[in-house]
PDB file of all heavy atoms in Angstrom:
ATOM      1  N   ALA A   1       0.853  -1.206   0.046  1.00  0.00           N
ATOM      2  CA  ALA A   1       0.011   0.077   0.024  1.00  0.00           C
ATOM      3  C   ALA A   1       0.936   1.248  -0.032  1.00  0.00           C
ATOM      4  O   ALA A   1       0.599   2.259  -0.705  1.00  0.00           O
ATOM      5  CB  ALA A   1      -0.877   0.107   1.110  1.00  0.00           C
ATOM      6  N   THR A   2       1.983   1.232   0.686  1.00  0.00           N
ATOM      7  CA  THR A   2       2.806   2.332   0.791  1.00  0.00           C
ATOM      8  C   THR A   2       3.515   2.644  -0.626  1.00  0.00           C
ATOM      9  O   THR A   2       3.543   3.691  -1.064  1.00  0.00           O
ATOM     10  CB  THR A   2       4.059   2.164   1.819  1.00  0.00           C
ATOM     11  OG1 THR A   2       3.503   2.066   3.027  1.00  0.00           O
ATOM     12  CG2 THR A   2       5.017   3.346   1.779  1.00  0.00           C
ATOM     13  N   GLN A   3       3.820   1.527  -1.258  1.00  0.00           N
ATOM     14  CA  GLN A   3       4.328   1.685  -2.726  1.00  0.00           C
ATOM     15  C   GLN A   3       3.258   2.350  -3.664  1.00  0.00           C
ATOM     16  O   GLN A   3       3.566   3.139  -4.422  1.00  0.00           O
ATOM     17  CB  GLN A   3       4.719   0.250  -3.218  1.00  0.00           C
ATOM     18  CG  GLN A   3       5.718  -0.465  -2.473  1.00  0.00           C
ATOM     19  CD  GLN A   3       7.128   0.213  -2.739  1.00  0.00           C
ATOM     20  OE1 GLN A   3       7.699   0.260  -3.786  1.00  0.00           O
ATOM     21  NE2 GLN A   3       7.786   0.607  -1.569  1.00  0.00           N
ATOM     22  N   ALA A   4       2.002   1.896  -3.542  1.00  0.00           N
ATOM     23  CA  ALA A   4       0.919   2.457  -4.264  1.00  0.00           C
ATOM     24  C   ALA A   4       0.764   3.892  -3.967  1.00  0.00           C
ATOM     25  O   ALA A   4       0.578   4.710  -4.935  1.00  0.00           O
ATOM     26  CB  ALA A   4      -0.366   1.641  -4.010  1.00  0.00           C
ATOM     27  N   ARG A   5       0.825   4.372  -2.718  1.00  0.00           N
ATOM     28  CA  ARG A   5       0.621   5.865  -2.392  1.00  0.00           C
ATOM     29  C   ARG A   5       1.868   6.590  -3.074  1.00  0.00           C
ATOM     30  O   ARG A   5       1.729   7.713  -3.484  1.00  0.00           O
ATOM     31  CB  ARG A   5       0.559   5.973  -0.946  1.00  0.00           C
ATOM     32  CG  ARG A   5      -0.766   5.467  -0.405  1.00  0.00           C
ATOM     33  CD  ARG A   5      -0.921   5.837   1.049  1.00  0.00           C
ATOM     34  NE  ARG A   5      -0.159   5.159   1.962  1.00  0.00           N
ATOM     35  CZ  ARG A   5      -0.571   3.935   2.466  1.00  0.00           C
ATOM     36  NH1 ARG A   5      -1.746   3.645   2.361  1.00  0.00           N
ATOM     37  NH2 ARG A   5       0.205   3.268   3.394  1.00  0.00           N
ATOM     38  N   MET A   6       2.989   6.013  -2.965  1.00  0.00           N
ATOM     39  CA  MET A   6       4.277   6.768  -3.547  1.00  0.00           C
ATOM     40  C   MET A   6       4.032   6.867  -5.060  1.00  0.00           C
ATOM     41  O   MET A   6       4.393   7.934  -5.663  1.00  0.00           O
ATOM     42  CB  MET A   6       5.491   6.070  -3.273  1.00  0.00           C
ATOM     43  CG  MET A   6       5.772   6.073  -1.707  1.00  0.00           C
ATOM     44  SD  MET A   6       7.336   5.230  -1.280  1.00  0.00           S
ATOM     45  CE  MET A   6       8.580   6.311  -2.121  1.00  0.00           C
ATOM     46  N   ILE A   7       3.539   5.871  -5.917  1.00  0.00           N
ATOM     47  CA  ILE A   7       3.246   5.916  -7.168  1.00  0.00           C
ATOM     48  C   ILE A   7       2.412   7.045  -7.653  1.00  0.00           C
ATOM     49  O   ILE A   7       2.585   7.653  -8.646  1.00  0.00           O
ATOM     50  CB  ILE A   7       2.844   4.433  -7.708  1.00  0.00           C
ATOM     51  CG1 ILE A   7       3.951   3.410  -7.586  1.00  0.00           C
ATOM     52  CG2 ILE A   7       2.135   4.605  -9.122  1.00  0.00           C
ATOM     53  CD1 ILE A   7       3.450   1.962  -7.711  1.00  0.00           C
ATOM     54  N   LYS A   8       1.324   7.169  -6.767  1.00  0.00           N
ATOM     55  CA  LYS A   8       0.351   8.169  -6.994  1.00  0.00           C
ATOM     56  C   LYS A   8       0.784   9.640  -6.885  1.00  0.00           C
ATOM     57  O   LYS A   8       0.185  10.475  -7.186  1.00  0.00           O
ATOM     58  CB  LYS A   8      -0.887   7.950  -6.149  1.00  0.00           C
ATOM     59  CG  LYS A   8      -1.696   6.715  -6.535  1.00  0.00           C
ATOM     60  CD  LYS A   8      -2.895   6.629  -5.637  1.00  0.00           C
ATOM     61  CE  LYS A   8      -4.008   7.606  -6.349  1.00  0.00           C
ATOM     62  NZ  LYS A   8      -5.391   7.482  -5.584  1.00  0.00           N
ATOM     63  N   LEU A   9       2.093   9.660  -6.439  1.00  0.00           N
ATOM     64  CA  LEU A   9       2.741  11.015  -6.241  1.00  0.00           C
ATOM     65  C   LEU A   9       3.375  11.454  -7.704  1.00  0.00           C
ATOM     66  O   LEU A   9       3.891  12.603  -7.704  1.00  0.00           O
ATOM     67  CB  LEU A   9       3.848  11.132  -5.157  1.00  0.00           C
ATOM     68  CG  LEU A   9       3.264  10.835  -3.720  1.00  0.00           C
ATOM     69  CD1 LEU A   9       4.448  10.694  -2.808  1.00  0.00           C
ATOM     70  CD2 LEU A   9       2.275  11.902  -3.444  1.00  0.00           C
ATOM     71  N   VAL A  10       3.540  10.584  -8.506  1.00  0.00           N
ATOM     72  CA  VAL A  10       4.381  10.931  -9.753  1.00  0.00           C
ATOM     73  C   VAL A  10       3.428  11.534 -10.655  1.00  0.00           C
ATOM     74  O   VAL A  10       2.478  10.969 -11.291  1.00  0.00           O
ATOM     75  CB  VAL A  10       4.931   9.589 -10.369  1.00  0.00           C
ATOM     76  CG1 VAL A  10       5.794   9.968 -11.567  1.00  0.00           C
ATOM     77  CG2 VAL A  10       5.778   8.837  -9.327  1.00  0.00           C
ATOM     78  N   PRO A  11       3.714  12.738 -11.045  1.00  0.00           N
ATOM     79  CA  PRO A  11       2.907  13.545 -12.182  1.00  0.00           C
ATOM     80  C   PRO A  11       2.567  12.908 -13.336  1.00  0.00           C
ATOM     81  O   PRO A  11       1.321  12.986 -13.774  1.00  0.00           O
ATOM     82  CB  PRO A  11       3.685  14.764 -12.297  1.00  0.00           C
ATOM     83  CG  PRO A  11       4.486  14.970 -11.227  1.00  0.00           C
ATOM     84  CD  PRO A  11       4.887  13.635 -10.708  1.00  0.00           C
ATOM     85  N   ILE A  12       3.452  12.123 -14.021  1.00  0.00           N
ATOM     86  CA  ILE A  12       3.115  11.493 -15.237  1.00  0.00           C
ATOM     87  C   ILE A  12       2.286  10.185 -15.120  1.00  0.00           C
ATOM     88  O   ILE A  12       1.895   9.720 -16.079  1.00  0.00           O
ATOM     89  CB  ILE A  12       4.554  11.144 -16.030  1.00  0.00           C
ATOM     90  CG1 ILE A  12       5.259  10.068 -15.276  1.00  0.00           C
ATOM     91  CG2 ILE A  12       5.251  12.325 -16.326  1.00  0.00           C
ATOM     92  CD1 ILE A  12       6.315   9.486 -16.173  1.00  0.00           C
ATOM     93  N   PHE A  13       2.021   9.840 -13.872  1.00  0.00           N
ATOM     94  CA  PHE A  13       1.184   8.770 -13.590  1.00  0.00           C
ATOM     95  C   PHE A  13      -0.315   9.182 -13.411  1.00  0.00           C
ATOM     96  O   PHE A  13      -1.190   8.408 -13.261  1.00  0.00           O
ATOM     97  CB  PHE A  13       1.610   7.937 -12.400  1.00  0.00           C
ATOM     98  CG  PHE A  13       2.896   7.244 -12.532  1.00  0.00           C
ATOM     99  CD1 PHE A  13       3.554   6.730 -11.426  1.00  0.00           C
ATOM    100  CD2 PHE A  13       3.399   6.959 -13.862  1.00  0.00           C
ATOM    101  CE1 PHE A  13       4.911   6.084 -11.585  1.00  0.00           C
ATOM    102  CE2 PHE A  13       4.615   6.344 -13.973  1.00  0.00           C
ATOM    103  CZ  PHE A  13       5.309   5.774 -12.900  1.00  0.00           C
ATOM    104  N   LEU A  14      -0.477  10.464 -13.434  1.00  0.00           N
ATOM    105  CA  LEU A  14      -1.824  11.024 -13.223  1.00  0.00           C
ATOM    106  C   LEU A  14      -2.652  11.213 -14.525  1.00  0.00           C
ATOM    107  O   LEU A  14      -2.032  11.340 -15.532  1.00  0.00           O
ATOM    108  CB  LEU A  14      -1.786  12.286 -12.397  1.00  0.00           C
ATOM    109  CG  LEU A  14      -1.199  12.205 -11.133  1.00  0.00           C
ATOM    110  CD1 LEU A  14      -1.071  13.563 -10.368  1.00  0.00           C
ATOM    111  CD2 LEU A  14      -1.733  11.292 -10.169  1.00  0.00           C
ATOM    112  N   ALA A  15      -4.095  11.179 -14.490  1.00  0.00           N
ATOM    113  CA  ALA A  15      -4.711  11.335 -15.612  1.00  0.00           C
ATOM    114  C   ALA A  15      -4.504  12.524 -16.499  1.00  0.00           C
ATOM    115  O   ALA A  15      -4.483  12.611 -17.756  1.00  0.00           O
ATOM    116  CB  ALA A  15      -6.269  11.216 -15.327  1.00  0.00           C
ATOM    117  N   ALA A  16      -4.101  13.556 -15.781  1.00  0.00           N
ATOM    118  CA  ALA A  16      -3.841  14.797 -16.547  1.00  0.00           C
ATOM    119  C   ALA A  16      -2.741  14.815 -17.508  1.00  0.00           C
ATOM    120  O   ALA A  16      -2.672  15.521 -18.496  1.00  0.00           O
ATOM    121  CB  ALA A  16      -3.482  15.992 -15.524  1.00  0.00           C
ATOM    122  N   SER A  17      -1.827  13.794 -17.412  1.00  0.00           N
ATOM    123  CA  SER A  17      -0.815  13.638 -18.445  1.00  0.00           C
ATOM    124  C   SER A  17      -1.217  12.860 -19.592  1.00  0.00           C
ATOM    125  O   SER A  17      -0.433  12.704 -20.578  1.00  0.00           O
ATOM    126  CB  SER A  17       0.352  12.887 -17.733  1.00  0.00           C
ATOM    127  OG  SER A  17       0.030  11.628 -17.543  1.00  0.00           O
ATOM    128  N   SER A  18      -2.503  12.347 -19.610  1.00  0.00           N
ATOM    129  CA  SER A  18      -2.916  11.600 -20.822  1.00  0.00           C
ATOM    130  C   SER A  18      -4.401  12.025 -21.082  1.00  0.00           C
ATOM    131  O   SER A  18      -5.267  11.278 -20.980  1.00  0.00           O
ATOM    132  CB  SER A  18      -3.027  10.166 -20.537  1.00  0.00           C
ATOM    133  OG  SER A  18      -1.604   9.563 -20.234  1.00  0.00           O
ATOM    134  N   PRO A  19      -4.616  13.361 -21.539  1.00  0.00           N
ATOM    135  CA  PRO A  19      -5.933  13.866 -21.546  1.00  0.00           C
ATOM    136  C   PRO A  19      -6.760  13.224 -22.802  1.00  0.00           C
ATOM    137  O   PRO A  19      -7.912  13.201 -22.631  1.00  0.00           O
ATOM    138  CB  PRO A  19      -5.673  15.327 -21.922  1.00  0.00           C
ATOM    139  CG  PRO A  19      -4.305  15.464 -22.407  1.00  0.00           C
ATOM    140  CD  PRO A  19      -3.510  14.334 -21.686  1.00  0.00           C
ATOM    141  N   ASN A  20      -6.068  12.709 -23.733  1.00  0.00           N
ATOM    142  CA  ASN A  20      -6.739  12.101 -24.887  1.00  0.00           C
ATOM    143  C   ASN A  20      -6.776  10.630 -24.846  1.00  0.00           C
ATOM    144  O   ASN A  20      -7.078   9.945 -25.928  1.00  0.00           O
ATOM    145  CB  ASN A  20      -6.091  12.612 -26.276  1.00  0.00           C
ATOM    146  CG  ASN A  20      -6.074  14.069 -26.358  1.00  0.00           C
ATOM    147  OD1 ASN A  20      -6.972  14.712 -26.091  1.00  0.00           O
ATOM    148  ND2 ASN A  20      -4.940  14.646 -26.772  1.00  0.00           N
ATOM    149  N   ARG A  21      -6.378  10.038 -23.689  1.00  0.00           N
ATOM    150  CA  ARG A  21      -6.412   8.660 -23.604  1.00  0.00           C
ATOM    151  C   ARG A  21      -7.655   7.922 -24.109  1.00  0.00           C
ATOM    152  O   ARG A  21      -7.587   6.940 -24.913  1.00  0.00           O
ATOM    153  CB  ARG A  21      -6.020   8.205 -22.106  1.00  0.00           C
ATOM    154  CG  ARG A  21      -6.237   6.731 -21.816  1.00  0.00           C
ATOM    155  CD  ARG A  21      -5.679   6.471 -20.308  1.00  0.00           C
ATOM    156  NE  ARG A  21      -5.930   5.051 -20.113  1.00  0.00           N
ATOM    157  CZ  ARG A  21      -5.696   4.538 -18.879  1.00  0.00           C
ATOM    158  NH1 ARG A  21      -5.371   5.309 -17.907  1.00  0.00           N
ATOM    159  NH2 ARG A  21      -5.786   3.231 -18.718  1.00  0.00           N
ATOM    160  N   ASP A  22      -8.752   8.216 -23.521  1.00  0.00           N
ATOM    161  CA  ASP A  22     -10.015   7.456 -23.830  1.00  0.00           C
ATOM    162  C   ASP A  22     -10.465   7.626 -25.263  1.00  0.00           C
ATOM    163  O   ASP A  22     -10.908   6.763 -25.943  1.00  0.00           O
ATOM    164  CB  ASP A  22     -11.158   7.935 -22.839  1.00  0.00           C
ATOM    165  CG  ASP A  22     -10.929   7.486 -21.538  1.00  0.00           C
ATOM    166  OD1 ASP A  22     -10.326   6.511 -21.224  1.00  0.00           O
ATOM    167  OD2 ASP A  22     -11.461   8.154 -20.641  1.00  0.00           O
ATOM    168  N   ALA A  23     -10.200   8.853 -25.857  1.00  0.00           N
ATOM    169  CA  ALA A  23     -10.555   9.172 -27.328  1.00  0.00           C
ATOM    170  C   ALA A  23      -9.727   8.345 -28.182  1.00  0.00           C
ATOM    171  O   ALA A  23     -10.127   7.763 -29.169  1.00  0.00           O
ATOM    172  CB  ALA A  23     -10.448  10.683 -27.558  1.00  0.00           C
ATOM    173  N   TRP A  24      -8.399   8.219 -27.823  1.00  0.00           N
ATOM    174  CA  TRP A  24      -7.439   7.446 -28.579  1.00  0.00           C
ATOM    175  C   TRP A  24      -7.939   5.951 -28.444  1.00  0.00           C
ATOM    176  O   TRP A  24      -7.975   5.292 -29.634  1.00  0.00           O
ATOM    177  CB  TRP A  24      -6.137   7.539 -28.024  1.00  0.00           C
ATOM    178  CG  TRP A  24      -5.036   6.719 -28.735  1.00  0.00           C
ATOM    179  CD1 TRP A  24      -4.564   5.417 -28.405  1.00  0.00           C
ATOM    180  CD2 TRP A  24      -4.079   7.039 -29.880  1.00  0.00           C
ATOM    181  NE1 TRP A  24      -3.645   5.066 -29.233  1.00  0.00           N
ATOM    182  CE2 TRP A  24      -3.477   6.047 -30.091  1.00  0.00           C
ATOM    183  CE3 TRP A  24      -4.100   8.277 -30.558  1.00  0.00           C
ATOM    184  CZ2 TRP A  24      -2.501   6.032 -31.194  1.00  0.00           C
ATOM    185  CZ3 TRP A  24      -3.241   8.381 -31.681  1.00  0.00           C
ATOM    186  CH2 TRP A  24      -2.370   7.268 -31.993  1.00  0.00           C
ATOM    187  N   CYS A  25      -8.218   5.520 -27.369  1.00  0.00           N
ATOM    188  CA  CYS A  25      -8.582   3.998 -27.297  1.00  0.00           C
ATOM    189  C   CYS A  25      -9.811   3.703 -28.049  1.00  0.00           C
ATOM    190  O   CYS A  25      -9.939   2.627 -28.627  1.00  0.00           O
ATOM    191  CB  CYS A  25      -8.794   3.798 -25.804  1.00  0.00           C
ATOM    192  SG  CYS A  25      -9.397   1.937 -25.452  1.00  0.00           S
ATOM    193  N   ALA A  26     -10.619   4.606 -28.120  1.00  0.00           N
ATOM    194  CA  ALA A  26     -11.926   4.378 -28.865  1.00  0.00           C
ATOM    195  C   ALA A  26     -11.872   4.062 -30.290  1.00  0.00           C
ATOM    196  O   ALA A  26     -12.623   3.226 -30.912  1.00  0.00           O
ATOM    197  CB  ALA A  26     -12.904   5.676 -28.777  1.00  0.00           C
ATOM    198  N   THR A  27     -10.672   4.461 -30.869  1.00  0.00           N
ATOM    199  CA  THR A  27     -10.461   4.170 -32.316  1.00  0.00           C
ATOM    200  C   THR A  27      -9.266   3.298 -32.529  1.00  0.00           C
ATOM    201  O   THR A  27      -8.960   2.818 -33.704  1.00  0.00           O
ATOM    202  CB  THR A  27     -10.239   5.389 -33.006  1.00  0.00           C
ATOM    203  OG1 THR A  27      -9.208   6.245 -32.502  1.00  0.00           O
ATOM    204  CG2 THR A  27     -11.563   6.348 -33.071  1.00  0.00           C
ATOM    205  N   HIS A  28      -8.357   2.970 -31.413  1.00  0.00           N
ATOM    206  CA  HIS A  28      -7.275   2.265 -31.665  1.00  0.00           C
ATOM    207  C   HIS A  28      -6.995   1.011 -30.729  1.00  0.00           C
ATOM    208  O   HIS A  28      -6.025   0.312 -30.897  1.00  0.00           O
ATOM    209  CB  HIS A  28      -5.906   3.156 -31.404  1.00  0.00           C
ATOM    210  CG  HIS A  28      -5.670   4.226 -32.247  1.00  0.00           C
ATOM    211  ND1 HIS A  28      -6.488   5.400 -32.122  1.00  0.00           N
ATOM    212  CD2 HIS A  28      -5.061   4.502 -33.356  1.00  0.00           C
ATOM    213  CE1 HIS A  28      -6.107   6.359 -33.023  1.00  0.00           C
ATOM    214  NE2 HIS A  28      -5.269   5.771 -33.847  1.00  0.00           N
ATOM    215  N   HIS A  29      -8.070   0.642 -29.951  1.00  0.00           N
ATOM    216  CA  HIS A  29      -7.817  -0.450 -29.041  1.00  0.00           C
ATOM    217  C   HIS A  29      -7.566  -1.893 -29.683  1.00  0.00           C
ATOM    218  O   HIS A  29      -6.836  -2.758 -29.177  1.00  0.00           O
ATOM    219  CB  HIS A  29      -9.035  -0.598 -28.085  1.00  0.00           C
ATOM    220  CG  HIS A  29     -10.247  -0.854 -28.718  1.00  0.00           C
ATOM    221  ND1 HIS A  29     -10.659  -1.959 -29.348  1.00  0.00           N
ATOM    222  CD2 HIS A  29     -11.408   0.122 -28.846  1.00  0.00           C
ATOM    223  CE1 HIS A  29     -11.890  -1.760 -29.896  1.00  0.00           C
ATOM    224  NE2 HIS A  29     -12.245  -0.573 -29.574  1.00  0.00           N
ATOM    225  N   GLY A  30      -7.944  -1.985 -30.980  1.00  0.00           N
ATOM    226  CA  GLY A  30      -7.576  -3.296 -31.713  1.00  0.00           C
ATOM    227  C   GLY A  30      -8.304  -4.520 -31.158  1.00  0.00           C
ATOM    228  O   GLY A  30      -8.745  -4.626 -30.097  1.00  0.00           O
TER     229      GLY A  30
END
């Protein structure tokens, strides 16, 4: 659990770093 909480501190791991993620998946998930 401590590892998980530390991971959530990394900015590139947050949703804001992938704003087009769901739109991309909708046409590329394969």
